[in-house]
Every structure is written in structure tokens, then in C-alpha cells.
Amino acid sequence: MFQIVFETILDLIPKKIRKVVGIILIIIGILISLIAIPLSLLLVAEDTGFGALIVVLLAIPIVIIFLTGFALLLSTKDDAGYRFSPLDLV
């Protein structure tokens, strides 16, 4: 069900826009991770459970941004007849 919805949404977005948005999301993910890593190291250095929770909460959106960026970028490469799906990453 999720794959059908995702492919329908991808088909509505032109390939050039998917590629640009994918690259932008990957750059945003890199910038956020460069900000989040030192911040998380400072929070975990205090050795509190709250700091570890914040680290996990910061890591989840970063991973989702990267996966979305790569999925959009790779969905433009269907020249060989292979259609990329984010379910292939799981």
C-alpha cells in the first residue's frame, strides 16, 4: 500500500525537480548533522539520560532526510528499467 502511494506521488513530480530536491535534502542533512554531532557530544558529556534521548531524537530526522534525498535522487535513474523504491532500503 505504501509503495503504491509513494510511486504515485513520485510520478506526479517531474524528474528534474525530484533530482534538485533530492540534492537539496542531502545537503540539508549534511548541514544538520554537522550541527547536531557537536551538540549531541556536549549533551552526552553531561552523562544524563535526557542527553541520550535528545541525541536519538536528533538522529531520527537526519536519517529520514538522507533517505528521502537519496530516494528522490535515485528515483530519477530508471534508464535501465529498474524503478527505485524506498522499501528497497529496508
PDB file of N, CA and C in Angstrom:
ATOM      1  N   MET A   1       0.825  -1.196   0.000  1.00  0.00           N
ATOM      2  CA  MET A   1       0.000   0.000   0.000  1.00  0.00           C
ATOM      3  C   MET A   1       0.870   1.263   0.000  1.00  0.00           C
ATOM      4  N   PHE A   2       1.886   1.271   0.894  1.00  0.00           N
ATOM      5  CA  PHE A   2       2.778   2.425   0.978  1.00  0.00           C
ATOM      6  C   PHE A   2       3.534   2.622  -0.332  1.00  0.00           C
ATOM      7  N   GLN A   3       3.950   1.523  -0.949  1.00  0.00           N
ATOM      8  CA  GLN A   3       4.709   1.614  -2.183  1.00  0.00           C
ATOM      9  C   GLN A   3       3.866   2.207  -3.312  1.00  0.00           C
ATOM     10  N   ILE A   4       2.597   1.859  -3.363  1.00  0.00           N
ATOM     11  CA  ILE A   4       1.713   2.398  -4.405  1.00  0.00           C
ATOM     12  C   ILE A   4       1.539   3.901  -4.228  1.00  0.00           C
ATOM     13  N   VAL A   5       1.332   4.331  -2.988  1.00  0.00           N
ATOM     14  CA  VAL A   5       1.166   5.761  -2.700  1.00  0.00           C
ATOM     15  C   VAL A   5       2.458   6.511  -3.019  1.00  0.00           C
ATOM     16  N   PHE A   6       3.597   5.949  -2.610  1.00  0.00           N
ATOM     17  CA  PHE A   6       4.873   6.613  -2.845  1.00  0.00           C
ATOM     18  C   PHE A   6       5.171   6.733  -4.333  1.00  0.00           C
ATOM     19  N   GLU A   7       4.918   5.675  -5.103  1.00  0.00           N
ATOM     20  CA  GLU A   7       5.162   5.731  -6.540  1.00  0.00           C
ATOM     21  C   GLU A   7       4.220   6.709  -7.238  1.00  0.00           C
ATOM     22  N   THR A   8       2.981   6.807  -6.761  1.00  0.00           N
ATOM     23  CA  THR A   8       2.045   7.768  -7.345  1.00  0.00           C
ATOM     24  C   THR A   8       2.514   9.191  -7.101  1.00  0.00           C
ATOM     25  N   ILE A   9       2.973   9.461  -5.894  1.00  0.00           N
ATOM     26  CA  ILE A   9       3.482  10.802  -5.578  1.00  0.00           C
ATOM     27  C   ILE A   9       4.721  11.104  -6.411  1.00  0.00           C
ATOM     28  N   LEU A  10       5.616  10.111  -6.555  1.00  0.00           N
ATOM     29  CA  LEU A  10       6.814  10.328  -7.367  1.00  0.00           C
ATOM     30  C   LEU A  10       6.474  10.586  -8.830  1.00  0.00           C
ATOM     31  N   ASP A  11       5.456   9.915  -9.333  1.00  0.00           N
ATOM     32  CA  ASP A  11       5.072  10.122 -10.731  1.00  0.00           C
ATOM     33  C   ASP A  11       4.509  11.516 -10.972  1.00  0.00           C
ATOM     34  N   LEU A  12       3.955  12.143  -9.951  1.00  0.00           N
ATOM     35  CA  LEU A  12       3.399  13.490 -10.097  1.00  0.00           C
ATOM     36  C   LEU A  12       4.477  14.568 -10.115  1.00  0.00           C
ATOM     37  N   ILE A  13       5.665  14.248  -9.593  1.00  0.00           N
ATOM     38  CA  ILE A  13       6.759  15.221  -9.538  1.00  0.00           C
ATOM     39  C   ILE A  13       7.678  14.986 -10.738  1.00  0.00           C
ATOM     40  N   PRO A  14       7.972  16.025 -11.513  1.00  0.00           N
ATOM     41  CA  PRO A  14       8.883  15.854 -12.659  1.00  0.00           C
ATOM     42  C   PRO A  14      10.281  15.411 -12.207  1.00  0.00           C
ATOM     43  N   LYS A  15      10.988  14.707 -13.100  1.00  0.00           N
ATOM     44  CA  LYS A  15      12.299  14.142 -12.765  1.00  0.00           C
ATOM     45  C   LYS A  15      13.321  15.201 -12.376  1.00  0.00           C
ATOM     46  N   LYS A  16      13.346  16.304 -13.086  1.00  0.00           N
ATOM     47  CA  LYS A  16      14.332  17.345 -12.788  1.00  0.00           C
ATOM     48  C   LYS A  16      14.109  17.929 -11.396  1.00  0.00           C
ATOM     49  N   ILE A  17      12.852  18.143 -11.028  1.00  0.00           N
ATOM     50  CA  ILE A  17      12.550  18.685  -9.703  1.00  0.00           C
ATOM     51  C   ILE A  17      12.903  17.666  -8.631  1.00  0.00           C
ATOM     52  N   ARG A  18      12.627  16.371  -8.878  1.00  0.00           N
ATOM     53  CA  ARG A  18      12.994  15.329  -7.912  1.00  0.00           C
ATOM     54  C   ARG A  18      14.496  15.317  -7.677  1.00  0.00           C
ATOM     55  N   LYS A  19      15.254  15.465  -8.756  1.00  0.00           N
ATOM     56  CA  LYS A  19      16.711  15.432  -8.629  1.00  0.00           C
ATOM     57  C   LYS A  19      17.218  16.621  -7.816  1.00  0.00           C
ATOM     58  N   VAL A  20      16.699  17.799  -8.117  1.00  0.00           N
ATOM     59  CA  VAL A  20      17.130  19.003  -7.391  1.00  0.00           C
ATOM     60  C   VAL A  20      16.730  18.923  -5.918  1.00  0.00           C
ATOM     61  N   VAL A  21      15.504  18.514  -5.660  1.00  0.00           N
ATOM     62  CA  VAL A  21      15.034  18.411  -4.270  1.00  0.00           C
ATOM     63  C   VAL A  21      15.831  17.342  -3.525  1.00  0.00           C
ATOM     64  N   GLY A  22      16.158  16.241  -4.193  1.00  0.00           N
ATOM     65  CA  GLY A  22      16.964  15.204  -3.564  1.00  0.00           C
ATOM     66  C   GLY A  22      18.338  15.706  -3.164  1.00  0.00           C
ATOM     67  N   ILE A  23      18.978  16.459  -4.060  1.00  0.00           N
ATOM     68  CA  ILE A  23      20.300  17.023  -3.748  1.00  0.00           C
ATOM     69  C   ILE A  23      20.194  18.029  -2.605  1.00  0.00           C
ATOM     70  N   ILE A  24      19.159  18.864  -2.622  1.00  0.00           N
ATOM     71  CA  ILE A  24      18.966  19.847  -1.547  1.00  0.00           C
ATOM     72  C   ILE A  24      18.747  19.150  -0.216  1.00  0.00           C
ATOM     73  N   LEU A  25      17.955  18.067  -0.195  1.00  0.00           N
ATOM     74  CA  LEU A  25      17.724  17.350   1.054  1.00  0.00           C
ATOM     75  C   LEU A  25      18.997  16.695   1.582  1.00  0.00           C
ATOM     76  N   ILE A  26      19.823  16.178   0.687  1.00  0.00           N
ATOM     77  CA  ILE A  26      21.086  15.588   1.130  1.00  0.00           C
ATOM     78  C   ILE A  26      21.996  16.657   1.721  1.00  0.00           C
ATOM     79  N   ILE A  27      22.059  17.835   1.103  1.00  0.00           N
ATOM     80  CA  ILE A  27      22.876  18.936   1.642  1.00  0.00           C
ATOM     81  C   ILE A  27      22.336  19.394   2.989  1.00  0.00           C
ATOM     82  N   ILE A  28      21.015  19.501   3.115  1.00  0.00           N
ATOM     83  CA  ILE A  28      20.419  19.882   4.397  1.00  0.00           C
ATOM     84  C   ILE A  28      20.743  18.838   5.463  1.00  0.00           C
ATOM     85  N   GLY A  29      20.686  17.566   5.101  1.00  0.00           N
ATOM     86  CA  GLY A  29      21.025  16.510   6.047  1.00  0.00           C
ATOM     87  C   GLY A  29      22.466  16.602   6.509  1.00  0.00           C
ATOM     88  N   ILE A  30      23.367  16.915   5.581  1.00  0.00           N
ATOM     89  CA  ILE A  30      24.779  17.062   5.955  1.00  0.00           C
ATOM     90  C   ILE A  30      24.963  18.244   6.899  1.00  0.00           C
ATOM     91  N   LEU A  31      24.331  19.375   6.584  1.00  0.00           N
ATOM     92  CA  LEU A  31      24.469  20.560   7.445  1.00  0.00           C
ATOM     93  C   LEU A  31      23.875  20.323   8.834  1.00  0.00           C
ATOM     94  N   ILE A  32      22.718  19.678   8.889  1.00  0.00           N
ATOM     95  CA  ILE A  32      22.104  19.411  10.190  1.00  0.00           C
ATOM     96  C   ILE A  32      22.965  18.443  10.998  1.00  0.00           C
ATOM     97  N   SER A  33      23.543  17.451  10.333  1.00  0.00           N
ATOM     98  CA  SER A  33      24.384  16.510  11.070  1.00  0.00           C
ATOM     99  C   SER A  33      25.655  17.182  11.572  1.00  0.00           C
ATOM    100  N   LEU A  34      26.197  18.143  10.797  1.00  0.00           N
ATOM    101  CA  LEU A  34      27.378  18.870  11.268  1.00  0.00           C
ATOM    102  C   LEU A  34      27.057  19.734  12.488  1.00  0.00           C
ATOM    103  N   ILE A  35      25.836  20.192  12.587  1.00  0.00           N
ATOM    104  CA  ILE A  35      25.423  20.967  13.763  1.00  0.00           C
ATOM    105  C   ILE A  35      25.060  20.038  14.914  1.00  0.00           C
ATOM    106  N   ALA A  36      24.395  18.925  14.615  1.00  0.00           N
ATOM    107  CA  ALA A  36      23.872  18.052  15.657  1.00  0.00           C
ATOM    108  C   ALA A  36      24.949  17.212  16.339  1.00  0.00           C
ATOM    109  N   ILE A  37      26.002  16.841  15.616  1.00  0.00           N
ATOM    110  CA  ILE A  37      27.029  15.982  16.218  1.00  0.00           C
ATOM    111  C   ILE A  37      27.750  16.689  17.370  1.00  0.00           C
ATOM    112  N   PRO A  38      28.263  17.904  17.199  1.00  0.00           N
ATOM    113  CA  PRO A  38      28.899  18.556  18.356  1.00  0.00           C
ATOM    114  C   PRO A  38      27.906  18.839  19.488  1.00  0.00           C
ATOM    115  N   LEU A  39      26.683  19.199  19.129  1.00  0.00           N
ATOM    116  CA  LEU A  39      25.674  19.450  20.151  1.00  0.00           C
ATOM    117  C   LEU A  39      25.375  18.184  20.941  1.00  0.00           C
ATOM    118  N   SER A  40      25.258  17.072  20.238  1.00  0.00           N
ATOM    119  CA  SER A  40      24.970  15.817  20.938  1.00  0.00           C
ATOM    120  C   SER A  40      26.149  15.376  21.791  1.00  0.00           C
ATOM    121  N   LEU A  41      27.364  15.630  21.332  1.00  0.00           N
ATOM    122  CA  LEU A  41      28.532  15.279  22.151  1.00  0.00           C
ATOM    123  C   LEU A  41      28.575  16.099  23.428  1.00  0.00           C
ATOM    124  N   LEU A  42      28.178  17.351  23.348  1.00  0.00           N
ATOM    125  CA  LEU A  42      28.128  18.182  24.555  1.00  0.00           C
ATOM    126  C   LEU A  42      27.044  17.702  25.523  1.00  0.00           C
ATOM    127  N   LEU A  43      25.911  17.297  24.996  1.00  0.00           N
ATOM    128  CA  LEU A  43      24.821  16.842  25.850  1.00  0.00           C
ATOM    129  C   LEU A  43      25.110  15.488  26.484  1.00  0.00           C
ATOM    130  N   VAL A  44      25.740  14.604  25.735  1.00  0.00           N
ATOM    131  CA  VAL A  44      26.044  13.280  26.278  1.00  0.00           C
ATOM    132  C   VAL A  44      27.206  13.366  27.262  1.00  0.00           C
ATOM    133  N   ALA A  45      28.061  14.372  27.120  1.00  0.00           N
ATOM    134  CA  ALA A  45      29.183  14.532  28.042  1.00  0.00           C
ATOM    135  C   ALA A  45      28.697  14.791  29.461  1.00  0.00           C
ATOM    136  N   GLU A  46      27.482  15.293  29.608  1.00  0.00           N
ATOM    137  CA  GLU A  46      26.930  15.522  30.940  1.00  0.00           C
ATOM    138  C   GLU A  46      26.463  14.230  31.591  1.00  0.00           C
ATOM    139  N   ASP A  47      26.418  13.141  30.806  1.00  0.00           N
ATOM    140  CA  ASP A  47      26.065  11.808  31.300  1.00  0.00           C
ATOM    141  C   ASP A  47      24.675  11.775  31.926  1.00  0.00           C
ATOM    142  N   THR A  48      23.724  12.271  31.194  1.00  0.00           N
ATOM    143  CA  THR A  48      22.338  12.202  31.653  1.00  0.00           C
ATOM    144  C   THR A  48      21.526  11.402  30.647  1.00  0.00           C
ATOM    145  N   GLY A  49      20.463  10.817  31.107  1.00  0.00           N
ATOM    146  CA  GLY A  49      19.565  10.088  30.226  1.00  0.00           C
ATOM    147  C   GLY A  49      18.859  11.019  29.266  1.00  0.00           C
ATOM    148  N   PHE A  50      18.639  12.249  29.702  1.00  0.00           N
ATOM    149  CA  PHE A  50      17.983  13.246  28.859  1.00  0.00           C
ATOM    150  C   PHE A  50      18.847  13.592  27.650  1.00  0.00           C
ATOM    151  N   GLY A  51      20.156  13.666  27.846  1.00  0.00           N
ATOM    152  CA  GLY A  51      21.068  13.957  26.740  1.00  0.00           C
ATOM    153  C   GLY A  51      21.049  12.862  25.690  1.00  0.00           C
ATOM    154  N   ALA A  52      21.002  11.603  26.138  1.00  0.00           N
ATOM    155  CA  ALA A  52      20.945  10.484  25.197  1.00  0.00           C
ATOM    156  C   ALA A  52      19.623  10.495  24.426  1.00  0.00           C
ATOM    157  N   LEU A  53      18.548  10.873  25.087  1.00  0.00           N
ATOM    158  CA  LEU A  53      17.246  10.953  24.422  1.00  0.00           C
ATOM    159  C   LEU A  53      17.259  12.022  23.331  1.00  0.00           C
ATOM    160  N   ILE A  54      17.870  13.154  23.621  1.00  0.00           N
ATOM    161  CA  ILE A  54      17.959  14.227  22.635  1.00  0.00           C
ATOM    162  C   ILE A  54      18.817  13.792  21.448  1.00  0.00           C
ATOM    163  N   VAL A  55      19.882  13.038  21.709  1.00  0.00           N
ATOM    164  CA  VAL A  55      20.733  12.539  20.627  1.00  0.00           C
ATOM    165  C   VAL A  55      19.937  11.637  19.695  1.00  0.00           C
ATOM    166  N   VAL A  56      19.139  10.752  20.263  1.00  0.00           N
ATOM    167  CA  VAL A  56      18.327   9.853  19.444  1.00  0.00           C
ATOM    168  C   VAL A  56      17.281  10.648  18.671  1.00  0.00           C
ATOM    169  N   LEU A  57      16.661  11.623  19.324  1.00  0.00           N
ATOM    170  CA  LEU A  57      15.649  12.432  18.638  1.00  0.00           C
ATOM    171  C   LEU A  57      16.252  13.300  17.534  1.00  0.00           C
ATOM    172  N   LEU A  58      17.516  13.678  17.669  1.00  0.00           N
ATOM    173  CA  LEU A  58      18.180  14.423  16.602  1.00  0.00           C
ATOM    174  C   LEU A  58      18.600  13.509  15.457  1.00  0.00           C
ATOM    175  N   ALA A  59      18.928  12.270  15.757  1.00  0.00           N
ATOM    176  CA  ALA A  59      19.416  11.352  14.726  1.00  0.00           C
ATOM    177  C   ALA A  59      18.300  10.878  13.808  1.00  0.00           C
ATOM    178  N   ILE A  60      17.104  10.699  14.335  1.00  0.00           N
ATOM    179  CA  ILE A  60      15.994  10.166  13.531  1.00  0.00           C
ATOM    180  C   ILE A  60      15.658  11.081  12.348  1.00  0.00           C
ATOM    181  N   PRO A  61      15.443  12.391  12.539  1.00  0.00           N
ATOM    182  CA  PRO A  61      15.137  13.235  11.362  1.00  0.00           C
ATOM    183  C   PRO A  61      16.295  13.333  10.374  1.00  0.00           C
ATOM    184  N   ILE A  62      17.530  13.284  10.869  1.00  0.00           N
ATOM    185  CA  ILE A  62      18.678  13.344   9.966  1.00  0.00           C
ATOM    186  C   ILE A  62      18.681  12.136   9.042  1.00  0.00           C
ATOM    187  N   VAL A  63      18.441  10.960   9.595  1.00  0.00           N
ATOM    188  CA  VAL A  63      18.408   9.740   8.785  1.00  0.00           C
ATOM    189  C   VAL A  63      17.241   9.793   7.797  1.00  0.00           C
ATOM    190  N   ILE A  64      16.087  10.276   8.245  1.00  0.00           N
ATOM    191  CA  ILE A  64      14.929  10.370   7.351  1.00  0.00           C
ATOM    192  C   ILE A  64      15.196  11.353   6.209  1.00  0.00           C
ATOM    193  N   ILE A  65      15.870  12.471   6.496  1.00  0.00           N
ATOM    194  CA  ILE A  65      16.201  13.448   5.457  1.00  0.00           C
ATOM    195  C   ILE A  65      17.147  12.833   4.433  1.00  0.00           C
ATOM    196  N   PHE A  66      18.190  12.121   4.920  1.00  0.00           N
ATOM    197  CA  PHE A  66      19.113  11.466   3.995  1.00  0.00           C
ATOM    198  C   PHE A  66      18.395  10.441   3.127  1.00  0.00           C
ATOM    199  N   LEU A  67      17.589   9.579   3.732  1.00  0.00           N
ATOM    200  CA  LEU A  67      16.904   8.537   2.971  1.00  0.00           C
ATOM    201  C   LEU A  67      15.932   9.129   1.955  1.00  0.00           C
ATOM    202  N   THR A  68      15.234  10.188   2.343  1.00  0.00           N
ATOM    203  CA  THR A  68      14.318  10.835   1.401  1.00  0.00           C
ATOM    204  C   THR A  68      15.089  11.460   0.244  1.00  0.00           C
ATOM    205  N   GLY A  69      16.203  12.112   0.558  1.00  0.00           N
ATOM    206  CA  GLY A  69      17.028  12.716  -0.501  1.00  0.00           C
ATOM    207  C   GLY A  69      17.572  11.676  -1.460  1.00  0.00           C
ATOM    208  N   PHE A  70      18.078  10.562  -0.915  1.00  0.00           N
ATOM    209  CA  PHE A  70      18.597   9.508  -1.784  1.00  0.00           C
ATOM    210  C   PHE A  70      17.479   8.844  -2.576  1.00  0.00           C
ATOM    211  N   ALA A  71      16.315   8.670  -1.958  1.00  0.00           N
ATOM    212  CA  ALA A  71      15.190   8.052  -2.676  1.00  0.00           C
ATOM    213  C   ALA A  71      14.747   8.930  -3.841  1.00  0.00           C
ATOM    214  N   LEU A  72      14.682  10.244  -3.616  1.00  0.00           N
ATOM    215  CA  LEU A  72      14.302  11.150  -4.709  1.00  0.00           C
ATOM    216  C   LEU A  72      15.373  11.190  -5.792  1.00  0.00           C
ATOM    217  N   LEU A  73      16.626  11.167  -5.379  1.00  0.00           N
ATOM    218  CA  LEU A  73      17.710  11.215  -6.346  1.00  0.00           C
ATOM    219  C   LEU A  73      17.786   9.932  -7.164  1.00  0.00           C
ATOM    220  N   LEU A  74      17.634   8.801  -6.509  1.00  0.00           N
ATOM    221  CA  LEU A  74      17.724   7.527  -7.210  1.00  0.00           C
ATOM    222  C   LEU A  74      16.464   7.209  -8.012  1.00  0.00           C
ATOM    223  N   SER A  75      15.350   7.848  -7.696  1.00  0.00           N
ATOM    224  CA  SER A  75      14.126   7.581  -8.449  1.00  0.00           C
ATOM    225  C   SER A  75      14.179   8.180  -9.852  1.00  0.00           C
ATOM    226  N   THR A  76      15.137   9.056 -10.086  1.00  0.00           N
ATOM    227  CA  THR A  76      15.275   9.633 -11.425  1.00  0.00           C
ATOM    228  C   THR A  76      16.068   8.721 -12.350  1.00  0.00           C
ATOM    229  N   LYS A  77      16.693   7.685 -11.824  1.00  0.00           N
ATOM    230  CA  LYS A  77      17.549   6.799 -12.621  1.00  0.00           C
ATOM    231  C   LYS A  77      16.800   5.532 -12.973  1.00  0.00           C
ATOM    232  N   ASP A  78      15.845   5.616 -13.865  1.00  0.00           N
ATOM    233  CA  ASP A  78      15.119   4.434 -14.306  1.00  0.00           C
ATOM    234  C   ASP A  78      15.423   4.120 -15.761  1.00  0.00           C
ATOM    235  N   ASP A  79      16.623   4.495 -16.221  1.00  0.00           N
ATOM    236  CA  ASP A  79      17.004   4.240 -17.606  1.00  0.00           C
ATOM    237  C   ASP A  79      17.167   2.744 -17.881  1.00  0.00           C
ATOM    238  N   ALA A  80      17.603   1.990 -16.882  1.00  0.00           N
ATOM    239  CA  ALA A  80      17.836   0.558 -17.068  1.00  0.00           C
ATOM    240  C   ALA A  80      16.558  -0.242 -16.839  1.00  0.00           C
ATOM    241  N   GLY A  81      15.464   0.420 -16.585  1.00  0.00           N
ATOM    242  CA  GLY A  81      14.201  -0.277 -16.368  1.00  0.00           C
ATOM    243  C   GLY A  81      13.964  -0.620 -14.917  1.00  0.00           C
ATOM    244  N   TYR A  82      14.844  -0.237 -14.035  1.00  0.00           N
ATOM    245  CA  TYR A  82      14.683  -0.519 -12.616  1.00  0.00           C
ATOM    246  C   TYR A  82      14.082   0.690 -11.930  1.00  0.00           C
ATOM    247  N   ARG A  83      13.004   0.485 -11.228  1.00  0.00           N
ATOM    248  CA  ARG A  83      12.325   1.571 -10.521  1.00  0.00           C
ATOM    249  C   ARG A  83      12.696   1.479  -9.054  1.00  0.00           C
ATOM    250  N   PHE A  84      13.357   2.510  -8.533  1.00  0.00           N
ATOM    251  CA  PHE A  84      13.789   2.504  -7.138  1.00  0.00           C
ATOM    252  C   PHE A  84      12.611   2.763  -6.226  1.00  0.00           C
ATOM    253  N   SER A  85      12.584   2.056  -5.128  1.00  0.00           N
ATOM    254  CA  SER A  85      11.543   2.245  -4.129  1.00  0.00           C
ATOM    255  C   SER A  85      12.208   2.395  -2.769  1.00  0.00           C
ATOM    256  N   PRO A  86      11.680   3.256  -1.888  1.00  0.00           N
ATOM    257  CA  PRO A  86      12.294   3.373  -0.562  1.00  0.00           C
ATOM    258  C   PRO A  86      12.178   2.087   0.244  1.00  0.00           C
ATOM    259  N   LEU A  87      11.284   1.201  -0.149  1.00  0.00           N
ATOM    260  CA  LEU A  87      11.174  -0.076   0.547  1.00  0.00           C
ATOM    261  C   LEU A  87      12.370  -0.975   0.260  1.00  0.00           C
ATOM    262  N   ASP A  88      13.140  -0.662  -0.786  1.00  0.00           N
ATOM    263  CA  ASP A  88      14.353  -1.416  -1.070  1.00  0.00           C
ATOM    264  C   ASP A  88      15.429  -1.151  -0.027  1.00  0.00           C
ATOM    265  N   LEU A  89      15.332  -0.028   0.672  1.00  0.00           N
ATOM    266  CA  LEU A  89      16.316   0.299   1.692  1.00  0.00           C
ATOM    267  C   LEU A  89      16.114  -0.486   2.972  1.00  0.00           C
ATOM    268  N   VAL A  90      14.916  -1.018   3.150  1.00  0.00           N
ATOM    269  CA  VAL A  90      14.597  -1.758   4.388  1.00  0.00           C
ATOM    270  C   VAL A  90      15.024  -3.179   4.265  1.00  0.00           C
TER     271      VAL A  90
END
